[in-house]
C-alpha atoms as a PDB file:
ATOM      1  CA  MET A   1     -45.816 -30.403  64.455  1.00  0.00           C
ATOM      2  CA  THR A   2     -50.098 -30.369  64.315  1.00  0.00           C
ATOM      3  CA  ASP A   3     -51.124 -26.825  62.944  1.00  0.00           C
ATOM      4  CA  LYS A   4     -54.892 -26.805  63.939  1.00  0.00           C
ATOM      5  CA  TYR A   5     -54.707 -23.402  62.914  1.00  0.00           C
ATOM      6  CA  ALA A   6     -54.365 -24.397  59.415  1.00  0.00           C
ATOM      7  CA  ASP A   7     -58.028 -26.525  59.528  1.00  0.00           C
ATOM      8  CA  ASN A   8     -59.798 -23.360  59.547  1.00  0.00           C
ATOM      9  CA  MET A   9     -57.402 -21.060  57.903  1.00  0.00           C
ATOM     10  CA  THR A  10     -54.886 -20.629  55.032  1.00  0.00           C
ATOM     11  CA  ARG A  11     -51.139 -19.826  55.837  1.00  0.00           C
ATOM     12  CA  HIS A  12     -49.755 -17.571  53.066  1.00  0.00           C
ATOM     13  CA  ALA A  13     -47.467 -14.634  52.766  1.00  0.00           C
ATOM     14  CA  SER A  14     -50.102 -12.494  51.302  1.00  0.00           C
ATOM     15  CA  ASP A  15     -52.116 -12.285  54.647  1.00  0.00           C
ATOM     16  CA  ALA A  16     -49.325 -10.826  56.256  1.00  0.00           C
ATOM     17  CA  GLN A  17     -50.792  -6.983  56.046  1.00  0.00           C
ATOM     18  CA  ARG A  18     -53.795  -8.122  57.398  1.00  0.00           C
ATOM     19  CA  LEU A  19     -52.023  -9.561  60.598  1.00  0.00           C
ATOM     20  CA  ASP A  20     -49.808  -6.765  61.014  1.00  0.00           C
ATOM     21  CA  GLU A  21     -53.168  -4.406  60.743  1.00  0.00           C
ATOM     22  CA  GLN A  22     -54.667  -6.550  63.211  1.00  0.00           C
ATOM     23  CA  VAL A  23     -51.593  -6.174  65.868  1.00  0.00           C
ATOM     24  CA  ASP A  24     -51.627  -2.461  65.336  1.00  0.00           C
ATOM     25  CA  LEU A  25     -55.607  -1.789  65.560  1.00  0.00           C
ATOM     26  CA  MET A  26     -55.274  -3.975  68.591  1.00  0.00           C
ATOM     27  CA  ILE A  27     -52.565  -1.823  70.125  1.00  0.00           C
ATOM     28  CA  GLU A  28     -53.877   1.256  69.305  1.00  0.00           C
ATOM     29  CA  ASN A  29     -57.388   0.216  71.149  1.00  0.00           C
ATOM     30  CA  ILE A  30     -55.636  -1.569  74.194  1.00  0.00           C
ATOM     31  CA  GLY A  31     -53.438   1.541  74.928  1.00  0.00           C
ATOM     32  CA  TYR A  32     -50.115  -0.162  75.341  1.00  0.00           C
ATOM     33  CA  ILE A  33     -47.788  -2.340  74.361  1.00  0.00           C
ATOM     34  CA  LEU A  34     -46.864  -3.843  77.224  1.00  0.00           C
ATOM     35  CA  HIS A  35     -49.122  -3.955  80.503  1.00  0.00           C
ATOM     36  CA  PRO A  36     -47.960  -0.643  82.412  1.00  0.00           C
ATOM     37  CA  SER A  37     -46.987  -2.455  85.461  1.00  0.00           C
ATOM     38  CA  ILE A  38     -44.774  -4.963  83.219  1.00  0.00           C
ATOM     39  CA  ILE A  39     -42.977  -1.962  81.617  1.00  0.00           C
ATOM     40  CA  SER A  40     -42.471  -0.528  85.493  1.00  0.00           C
ATOM     41  CA  ALA A  41     -40.488  -3.631  86.257  1.00  0.00           C
ATOM     42  CA  LEU A  42     -38.333  -4.290  83.504  1.00  0.00           C
ATOM     43  CA  PRO A  43     -34.645  -3.457  82.641  1.00  0.00           C
ATOM     44  CA  LYS A  44     -33.438  -1.421  80.025  1.00  0.00           C
ATOM     45  CA  ALA A  45     -32.711  -4.075  77.767  1.00  0.00           C
ATOM     46  CA  PRO A  46     -35.307  -6.675  78.364  1.00  0.00           C
ATOM     47  CA  VAL A  47     -35.581  -9.797  76.657  1.00  0.00           C
ATOM     48  CA  ILE A  48     -37.985 -10.240  75.032  1.00  0.00           C
ATOM     49  CA  ALA A  49     -40.469 -13.398  73.385  1.00  0.00           C
ATOM     50  CA  ASP A  50     -43.815 -12.846  71.090  1.00  0.00           C
ATOM     51  CA  VAL A  51     -45.259 -16.500  70.597  1.00  0.00           C
ATOM     52  CA  ALA A  52     -47.845 -16.917  67.470  1.00  0.00           C
ATOM     53  CA  THR A  53     -45.710 -13.971  66.343  1.00  0.00           C
ATOM     54  CA  GLY A  54     -47.070 -13.980  62.499  1.00  0.00           C
ATOM     55  CA  THR A  55     -44.844 -11.147  60.643  1.00  0.00           C
ATOM     56  CA  GLY A  56     -42.987 -10.234  64.184  1.00  0.00           C
ATOM     57  CA  ARG A  57     -45.075  -7.215  64.005  1.00  0.00           C
ATOM     58  CA  PHE A  58     -45.465  -6.787  68.006  1.00  0.00           C
ATOM     59  CA  LEU A  59     -41.444  -7.036  68.277  1.00  0.00           C
ATOM     60  CA  LEU A  60     -41.017  -4.155  66.253  1.00  0.00           C
ATOM     61  CA  HIS A  61     -43.123  -2.074  68.332  1.00  0.00           C
ATOM     62  CA  ALA A  62     -41.770  -3.582  71.726  1.00  0.00           C
ATOM     63  CA  ARG A  63     -38.155  -2.692  70.333  1.00  0.00           C
ATOM     64  CA  ASP A  64     -39.242   1.012  69.461  1.00  0.00           C
ATOM     65  CA  LEU A  65     -39.968   1.072  73.532  1.00  0.00           C
ATOM     66  CA  TYR A  66     -36.354  -0.841  74.566  1.00  0.00           C
ATOM     67  CA  PRO A  67     -33.991  -0.485  71.337  1.00  0.00           C
ATOM     68  CA  ASP A  68     -31.383  -1.680  73.213  1.00  0.00           C
ATOM     69  CA  GLY A  69     -33.145  -4.973  74.112  1.00  0.00           C
ATOM     70  CA  SER A  70     -33.261  -8.436  72.460  1.00  0.00           C
ATOM     71  CA  PHE A  71     -36.473 -10.180  70.640  1.00  0.00           C
ATOM     72  CA  ASP A  72     -37.283 -13.597  69.408  1.00  0.00           C
ATOM     73  CA  GLY A  73     -40.621 -14.283  67.826  1.00  0.00           C
ATOM     74  CA  SER A  74     -42.128 -17.853  67.203  1.00  0.00           C
ATOM     75  CA  ASP A  75     -44.541 -19.265  65.455  1.00  0.00           C
ATOM     76  CA  ILE A  76     -45.626 -22.566  64.401  1.00  0.00           C
ATOM     77  CA  SER A  77     -45.196 -21.817  60.905  1.00  0.00           C
ATOM     78  CA  ARG A  78     -42.614 -19.570  58.762  1.00  0.00           C
ATOM     79  CA  ALA A  79     -45.522 -18.842  56.320  1.00  0.00           C
ATOM     80  CA  ALA A  80     -45.776 -15.091  57.169  1.00  0.00           C
ATOM     81  CA  PHE A  81     -42.140 -14.409  58.422  1.00  0.00           C
ATOM     82  CA  PRO A  82     -40.766 -11.549  56.679  1.00  0.00           C
ATOM     83  CA  PRO A  83     -37.336 -12.309  54.655  1.00  0.00           C
ATOM     84  CA  PRO A  84     -34.188 -12.254  57.642  1.00  0.00           C
ATOM     85  CA  GLY A  85     -32.482  -9.179  55.940  1.00  0.00           C
ATOM     86  CA  ASP A  86     -36.144  -7.141  56.606  1.00  0.00           C
ATOM     87  CA  LEU A  87     -35.723  -7.498  60.630  1.00  0.00           C
ATOM     88  CA  PRO A  88     -33.279  -5.660  62.701  1.00  0.00           C
ATOM     89  CA  GLU A  89     -30.157  -7.396  64.275  1.00  0.00           C
ATOM     90  CA  ASN A  90     -31.871  -7.761  67.782  1.00  0.00           C
ATOM     91  CA  VAL A  91     -34.961  -9.117  66.180  1.00  0.00           C
ATOM     92  CA  THR A  92     -35.056 -13.017  65.229  1.00  0.00           C
ATOM     93  CA  LEU A  93     -38.039 -15.298  64.171  1.00  0.00           C
ATOM     94  CA  THR A  94     -38.034 -18.963  64.666  1.00  0.00           C
ATOM     95  CA  VAL A  95     -40.210 -22.251  64.278  1.00  0.00           C
ATOM     96  CA  LEU A  96     -42.034 -23.037  68.020  1.00  0.00           C
ATOM     97  CA  ASP A  97     -44.903 -25.334  68.818  1.00  0.00           C
ATOM     98  CA  VAL A  98     -46.296 -23.798  72.320  1.00  0.00           C
ATOM     99  CA  LYS A  99     -48.378 -27.464  72.292  1.00  0.00           C
ATOM    100  CA  LYS A 100     -45.005 -28.756  73.465  1.00  0.00           C
ATOM    101  CA  PRO A 101     -42.574 -28.961  75.771  1.00  0.00           C
ATOM    102  CA  VAL A 102     -40.059 -25.796  74.766  1.00  0.00           C
ATOM    103  CA  PRO A 103     -36.560 -26.713  74.759  1.00  0.00           C
ATOM    104  CA  GLU A 104     -34.527 -26.396  77.634  1.00  0.00           C
ATOM    105  CA  THR A 105     -32.459 -23.639  76.072  1.00  0.00           C
ATOM    106  CA  LEU A 106     -35.568 -21.669  76.394  1.00  0.00           C
ATOM    107  CA  HIS A 107     -36.204 -22.110  79.808  1.00  0.00           C
ATOM    108  CA  GLU A 108     -35.777 -18.849  82.388  1.00  0.00           C
ATOM    109  CA  LYS A 109     -34.528 -16.577  78.960  1.00  0.00           C
ATOM    110  CA  TYR A 110     -37.004 -13.781  79.134  1.00  0.00           C
ATOM    111  CA  ASP A 111     -38.067 -11.118  80.981  1.00  0.00           C
ATOM    112  CA  VAL A 112     -41.219 -11.035  79.085  1.00  0.00           C
ATOM    113  CA  VAL A 113     -43.209 -13.754  77.023  1.00  0.00           C
ATOM    114  CA  ASN A 114     -45.807 -12.211  74.852  1.00  0.00           C
ATOM    115  CA  VAL A 115     -48.784 -14.095  73.237  1.00  0.00           C
ATOM    116  CA  ARG A 116     -51.720 -12.947  71.209  1.00  0.00           C
ATOM    117  CA  MET A 117     -54.824 -14.539  69.591  1.00  0.00           C
ATOM    118  CA  LEU A 118     -54.166 -18.447  69.430  1.00  0.00           C
ATOM    119  CA  VAL A 119     -57.765 -18.924  69.836  1.00  0.00           C
ATOM    120  CA  ALA A 120     -57.601 -20.125  66.059  1.00  0.00           C
ATOM    121  CA  ALA A 121     -55.009 -22.623  66.985  1.00  0.00           C
ATOM    122  CA  MET A 122     -56.190 -23.952  70.315  1.00  0.00           C
ATOM    123  CA  LEU A 123     -58.755 -26.806  71.481  1.00  0.00           C
ATOM    124  CA  PRO A 124     -60.145 -26.690  75.068  1.00  0.00           C
ATOM    125  CA  GLU A 125     -57.294 -29.413  76.170  1.00  0.00           C
ATOM    126  CA  ASP A 126     -54.287 -27.016  74.709  1.00  0.00           C
ATOM    127  CA  TRP A 127     -54.878 -24.227  76.868  1.00  0.00           C
ATOM    128  CA  ALA A 128     -53.228 -25.300  80.425  1.00  0.00           C
ATOM    129  CA  PRO A 129     -50.302 -27.068  79.131  1.00  0.00           C
ATOM    130  CA  ALA A 130     -49.189 -24.153  76.571  1.00  0.00           C
ATOM    131  CA  VAL A 131     -49.498 -21.604  79.584  1.00  0.00           C
ATOM    132  CA  VAL A 132     -47.207 -24.263  81.921  1.00  0.00           C
ATOM    133  CA  ASN A 133     -44.722 -24.467  78.603  1.00  0.00           C
ATOM    134  CA  LEU A 134     -44.459 -20.544  78.269  1.00  0.00           C
ATOM    135  CA  SER A 135     -43.928 -20.344  82.248  1.00  0.00           C
ATOM    136  CA  ARG A 136     -40.936 -22.412  81.521  1.00  0.00           C
ATOM    137  CA  MET A 137     -39.552 -19.568  79.307  1.00  0.00           C
ATOM    138  CA  LEU A 138     -39.650 -16.942  82.028  1.00  0.00           C
ATOM    139  CA  LYS A 139     -37.116 -15.893  84.220  1.00  0.00           C
ATOM    140  CA  PRO A 140     -37.790 -15.653  87.908  1.00  0.00           C
ATOM    141  CA  GLY A 141     -39.779 -12.235  88.206  1.00  0.00           C
ATOM    142  CA  GLY A 142     -40.663 -12.623  84.499  1.00  0.00           C
ATOM    143  CA  PHE A 143     -44.182 -11.957  83.060  1.00  0.00           C
ATOM    144  CA  LEU A 144     -46.516 -13.710  80.743  1.00  0.00           C
ATOM    145  CA  GLN A 145     -48.652 -11.184  78.740  1.00  0.00           C
ATOM    146  CA  TRP A 146     -51.581 -13.261  76.863  1.00  0.00           C
ATOM    147  CA  THR A 147     -54.206 -11.289  74.761  1.00  0.00           C
ATOM    148  CA  GLU A 148     -57.333 -12.936  73.226  1.00  0.00           C
ATOM    149  CA  CYS A 149     -60.494 -12.024  71.869  1.00  0.00           C
ATOM    150  CA  ASP A 150     -64.511 -12.687  73.400  1.00  0.00           C
ATOM    151  CA  VAL A 151     -65.616 -13.191  70.064  1.00  0.00           C
ATOM    152  CA  VAL A 152     -68.429 -15.466  71.290  1.00  0.00           C
ATOM    153  CA  SER A 153     -70.213 -12.608  72.463  1.00  0.00           C
ATOM    154  CA  ILE A 154     -69.288 -10.219  69.626  1.00  0.00           C
ATOM    155  CA  LYS A 155     -72.110  -7.477  68.419  1.00  0.00           C
ATOM    156  CA  GLN A 156     -72.977  -6.493  64.983  1.00  0.00           C
ATOM    157  CA  LEU A 157     -74.105  -3.102  65.517  1.00  0.00           C
ATOM    158  CA  ARG A 158     -75.444  -0.424  63.143  1.00  0.00           C
ATOM    159  CA  GLY A 159     -73.484   3.018  63.172  1.00  0.00           C
ATOM    160  CA  ARG A 160     -76.378   4.843  61.672  1.00  0.00           C
ATOM    161  CA  GLY A 161     -80.263   4.886  61.746  1.00  0.00           C
ATOM    162  CA  ASP A 162     -80.324   3.180  57.990  1.00  0.00           C
ATOM    163  CA  SER A 163     -77.663   0.840  58.722  1.00  0.00           C
ATOM    164  CA  SER A 164     -77.649  -2.777  57.630  1.00  0.00           C
ATOM    165  CA  VAL A 165     -76.299  -5.309  59.381  1.00  0.00           C
ATOM    166  CA  GLU A 166     -77.608  -8.696  58.133  1.00  0.00           C
ATOM    167  CA  ASN A 167     -75.294 -10.091  56.030  1.00  0.00           C
ATOM    168  CA  ILE A 168     -72.159  -8.970  58.656  1.00  0.00           C
ATOM    169  CA  ARG A 169     -74.524 -11.113  60.956  1.00  0.00           C
ATOM    170  CA  PHE A 170     -74.873 -13.912  58.809  1.00  0.00           C
ATOM    171  CA  LEU A 171     -70.982 -14.166  58.142  1.00  0.00           C
ATOM    172  CA  GLN A 172     -69.795 -13.772  61.464  1.00  0.00           C
ATOM    173  CA  GLU A 173     -72.310 -16.225  63.147  1.00  0.00           C
ATOM    174  CA  THR A 174     -71.818 -18.809  60.620  1.00  0.00           C
ATOM    175  CA  PHE A 175     -68.077 -18.409  60.901  1.00  0.00           C
ATOM    176  CA  ASN A 176     -68.630 -18.427  64.925  1.00  0.00           C
ATOM    177  CA  THR A 177     -70.824 -21.741  64.442  1.00  0.00           C
ATOM    178  CA  ALA A 178     -68.209 -23.977  62.840  1.00  0.00           C
ATOM    179  CA  ILE A 179     -65.255 -22.742  65.181  1.00  0.00           C
ATOM    180  CA  GLN A 180     -67.580 -22.511  68.622  1.00  0.00           C
ATOM    181  CA  GLU A 181     -65.460 -25.492  70.184  1.00  0.00           C
ATOM    182  CA  GLN A 182     -62.187 -23.333  70.078  1.00  0.00           C
ATOM    183  CA  ILE A 183     -63.496 -19.749  70.505  1.00  0.00           C
ATOM    184  CA  SER A 184     -65.283 -20.634  73.979  1.00  0.00           C
ATOM    185  CA  TYR A 185     -61.761 -20.660  75.526  1.00  0.00           C
ATOM    186  CA  GLY A 186     -58.865 -19.116  76.456  1.00  0.00           C
ATOM    187  CA  TRP A 187     -60.065 -15.524  77.094  1.00  0.00           C
ATOM    188  CA  SER A 188     -62.062 -16.907  79.805  1.00  0.00           C
ATOM    189  CA  THR A 189     -59.746 -19.695  81.294  1.00  0.00           C
ATOM    190  CA  LEU A 190     -56.440 -18.296  80.745  1.00  0.00           C
ATOM    191  CA  PRO A 191     -56.340 -16.324  84.644  1.00  0.00           C
ATOM    192  CA  THR A 192     -57.213 -19.655  86.219  1.00  0.00           C
ATOM    193  CA  HIS A 193     -54.375 -21.705  83.998  1.00  0.00           C
ATOM    194  CA  MET A 194     -51.978 -19.079  84.993  1.00  0.00           C
ATOM    195  CA  GLN A 195     -52.874 -19.146  88.493  1.00  0.00           C
ATOM    196  CA  GLU A 196     -52.838 -23.195  88.713  1.00  0.00           C
ATOM    197  CA  ALA A 197     -49.043 -22.520  86.439  1.00  0.00           C
ATOM    198  CA  GLY A 198     -47.621 -20.865  89.541  1.00  0.00           C
ATOM    199  CA  LEU A 199     -47.975 -17.090  88.340  1.00  0.00           C
ATOM    200  CA  HIS A 200     -48.789 -14.411  90.807  1.00  0.00           C
ATOM    201  CA  PRO A 201     -50.156 -12.187  90.724  1.00  0.00           C
ATOM    202  CA  ILE A 202     -52.545 -12.443  87.945  1.00  0.00           C
ATOM    203  CA  VAL A 203     -53.989  -9.117  86.512  1.00  0.00           C
ATOM    204  CA  ARG A 204     -56.870  -9.147  83.580  1.00  0.00           C
ATOM    205  CA  ASP A 205     -57.320  -6.046  81.486  1.00  0.00           C
ATOM    206  CA  ILE A 206     -60.573  -5.878  79.807  1.00  0.00           C
ATOM    207  CA  VAL A 207     -61.026  -2.968  76.843  1.00  0.00           C
ATOM    208  CA  SER A 208     -63.591  -2.724  73.697  1.00  0.00           C
ATOM    209  CA  SER A 209     -62.469  -3.503  70.261  1.00  0.00           C
ATOM    210  CA  ASP A 210     -63.954  -0.015  69.582  1.00  0.00           C
ATOM    211  CA  ARG A 211     -62.404   1.972  72.555  1.00  0.00           C
ATOM    212  CA  ILE A 212     -61.287   4.438  69.786  1.00  0.00           C
ATOM    213  CA  ALA A 213     -64.047   4.928  67.686  1.00  0.00           C
ATOM    214  CA  ASP A 214     -62.267   6.286  64.474  1.00  0.00           C
ATOM    215  CA  THR A 215     -60.988   2.117  64.481  1.00  0.00           C
ATOM    216  CA  ARG A 216     -64.208   0.652  63.952  1.00  0.00           C
ATOM    217  CA  GLU A 217     -64.606   0.761  60.214  1.00  0.00           C
ATOM    218  CA  ARG A 218     -60.513  -1.039  60.189  1.00  0.00           C
ATOM    219  CA  VAL A 219     -61.274  -3.310  63.432  1.00  0.00           C
ATOM    220  CA  THR A 220     -64.662  -4.377  61.364  1.00  0.00           C
ATOM    221  CA  THR A 221     -62.783  -5.045  57.873  1.00  0.00           C
ATOM    222  CA  ASN A 222     -59.908  -6.687  59.475  1.00  0.00           C
ATOM    223  CA  SER A 223     -62.039  -9.162  61.316  1.00  0.00           C
ATOM    224  CA  ILE A 224     -64.421  -9.743  58.496  1.00  0.00           C
ATOM    225  CA  ARG A 225     -61.687 -10.832  56.211  1.00  0.00           C
ATOM    226  CA  VAL A 226     -60.738 -13.422  58.678  1.00  0.00           C
ATOM    227  CA  ALA A 227     -64.538 -15.147  58.399  1.00  0.00           C
ATOM    228  CA  LEU A 228     -64.073 -14.548  54.714  1.00  0.00           C
ATOM    229  CA  ALA A 229     -61.400 -16.750  54.178  1.00  0.00           C
ATOM    230  CA  TRP A 230     -62.579 -19.509  56.203  1.00  0.00           C
ATOM    231  CA  ALA A 231     -65.674 -19.437  53.953  1.00  0.00           C
ATOM    232  CA  ARG A 232     -63.492 -19.580  50.951  1.00  0.00           C
ATOM    233  CA  LEU A 233     -61.401 -22.298  52.308  1.00  0.00           C
ATOM    234  CA  MET A 234     -64.348 -24.313  53.213  1.00  0.00           C
ATOM    235  CA  ALA A 235     -65.843 -23.831  49.745  1.00  0.00           C
ATOM    236  CA  ALA A 236     -62.755 -24.841  47.875  1.00  0.00           C
ATOM    237  CA  ARG A 237     -62.216 -28.166  50.091  1.00  0.00           C
ATOM    238  CA  GLY A 238     -65.972 -28.492  49.029  1.00  0.00           C
ATOM    239  CA  THR A 239     -66.802 -28.837  52.979  1.00  0.00           C
ATOM    240  CA  PRO A 240     -70.512 -30.263  53.407  1.00  0.00           C
ATOM    241  CA  GLY A 241     -72.978 -27.306  53.720  1.00  0.00           C
ATOM    242  CA  ALA A 242     -70.287 -24.790  53.053  1.00  0.00           C
ATOM    243  CA  MET A 243     -70.956 -21.846  50.574  1.00  0.00           C
ATOM    244  CA  THR A 244     -70.036 -22.254  47.017  1.00  0.00           C
ATOM    245  CA  ALA A 245     -67.261 -19.510  46.024  1.00  0.00           C
ATOM    246  CA  GLU A 246     -70.022 -17.644  43.939  1.00  0.00           C
ATOM    247  CA  GLU A 247     -71.853 -17.399  47.191  1.00  0.00           C
ATOM    248  CA  VAL A 248     -69.101 -16.263  48.942  1.00  0.00           C
ATOM    249  CA  ASP A 249     -68.178 -13.384  46.269  1.00  0.00           C
ATOM    250  CA  GLN A 250     -71.905 -12.252  46.544  1.00  0.00           C
ATOM    251  CA  LEU A 251     -71.789 -12.433  50.613  1.00  0.00           C
ATOM    252  CA  GLU A 252     -68.501 -10.164  50.423  1.00  0.00           C
ATOM    253  CA  THR A 253     -69.967  -7.676  48.379  1.00  0.00           C
ATOM    254  CA  ASN A 254     -72.897  -7.320  50.671  1.00  0.00           C
ATOM    255  CA  VAL A 255     -71.021  -7.370  53.518  1.00  0.00           C
ATOM    256  CA  GLN A 256     -69.096  -4.542  52.222  1.00  0.00           C
ATOM    257  CA  LYS A 257     -72.128  -2.727  51.634  1.00  0.00           C
ATOM    258  CA  ASP A 258     -73.050  -3.280  55.204  1.00  0.00           C
ATOM    259  CA  ILE A 259     -69.712  -1.517  56.484  1.00  0.00           C
ATOM    260  CA  GLU A 260     -70.133   1.408  53.923  1.00  0.00           C
ATOM    261  CA  SER A 261     -73.635   2.022  56.071  1.00  0.00           C
ATOM    262  CA  GLY A 262     -71.959   2.275  58.982  1.00  0.00           C
ATOM    263  CA  ALA A 263     -72.210  -1.436  60.386  1.00  0.00           C
ATOM    264  CA  TYR A 264     -69.375  -2.858  62.775  1.00  0.00           C
ATOM    265  CA  LEU A 265     -68.330  -5.342  64.695  1.00  0.00           C
ATOM    266  CA  ARG A 266     -67.600  -5.094  68.546  1.00  0.00           C
ATOM    267  CA  TYR A 267     -65.994  -7.412  71.126  1.00  0.00           C
ATOM    268  CA  ASP A 268     -64.025  -7.155  74.518  1.00  0.00           C
ATOM    269  CA  ILE A 269     -60.198  -7.886  73.996  1.00  0.00           C
ATOM    270  CA  HIS A 270     -58.754  -9.767  76.861  1.00  0.00           C
ATOM    271  CA  ILE A 271     -55.263  -8.840  78.263  1.00  0.00           C
ATOM    272  CA  ILE A 272     -54.132 -11.404  81.224  1.00  0.00           C
ATOM    273  CA  CYS A 273     -50.871 -10.751  82.938  1.00  0.00           C
ATOM    274  CA  GLY A 274     -49.145 -13.077  85.512  1.00  0.00           C
ATOM    275  CA  ARG A 275     -45.396 -12.784  86.950  1.00  0.00           C
ATOM    276  CA  LYS A 276     -43.570 -15.661  87.752  1.00  0.00           C
ATOM    277  CA  PRO A 277     -42.319 -15.584  91.352  1.00  0.00           C
ATOM    278  CA  SER A 278     -38.738 -15.068  92.482  1.00  0.00           C
ATOM    279  CA  LYS A 279     -37.114 -15.323  95.795  1.00  0.00           C
ATOM    280  CA  GLN A 280     -37.278 -12.312  96.295  1.00  0.00           C
ATOM    281  CA  MET A 281     -40.794 -11.600  95.534  1.00  0.00           C
ATOM    282  CA  THR A 282     -43.259 -12.727  98.441  1.00  0.00           C
ATOM    283  CA  HIS A 283     -45.712  -9.943  98.880  1.00  0.00           C
ATOM    284  CA  SER A 284     -44.450  -7.847  95.853  1.00  0.00           C
ATOM    285  CA  LYS A 285     -47.715  -6.633  93.729  1.00  0.00           C
ATOM    286  CA  LEU A 286     -47.687  -6.896  89.372  1.00  0.00           C
END
């Protein structure tokens, strides 16, 4: 398997806390785990897959909604998986590369396939095939829910009149410039890819990363940890033009001062849902 994510980020079990917090914050600001129209159409014990599952955190949230359901998480790497004994019996995690055709054993297996934050692992040409692959996992009438963030348009904002944002802006713009080819896609192209894959209807929901204002500092800190991890990886590799480890340390200190002064990040979260038609669905709505 080719792990594009590993080109820009490290995979390590110690990152589990950040990944869990990221899922929790996104759910809090989105306002739901599954789109309300998906929930209204699901059976009492649905079969749900979570792709790019990381620690499996999303599945535990989904299990709270459907205790009798079945939940399968997959990722290209096991690095963030918790020990099997730490998971409920109806939650399983395995390795899967969504850029490759999925095994036939997974075809038409799921009522819902959830995907979240694959942007760091994808190239422009990867999105359309991935949608096709994941659509094959859906039962007729099943739903694909995909969440991505528009970090191209990320804003560095002052929360108070005396807030400083210069260090946060420098770090975020440096990070975005380095991975520009990847972050310009997904959130903007998924509706078209879902339509081309035969999903219908397509629903798009957009919320702010700080819809709940009390989450601003936590969202900012969580996001900044991603950019800092990238900067440290580039420093360790000796990438041309990269900051030194000492410079990254100093920048981290300065960024923390910006956050303490009230500076924060804001970006749009896009949730795109598509339904796989069934023979009974001719004029149904999502």
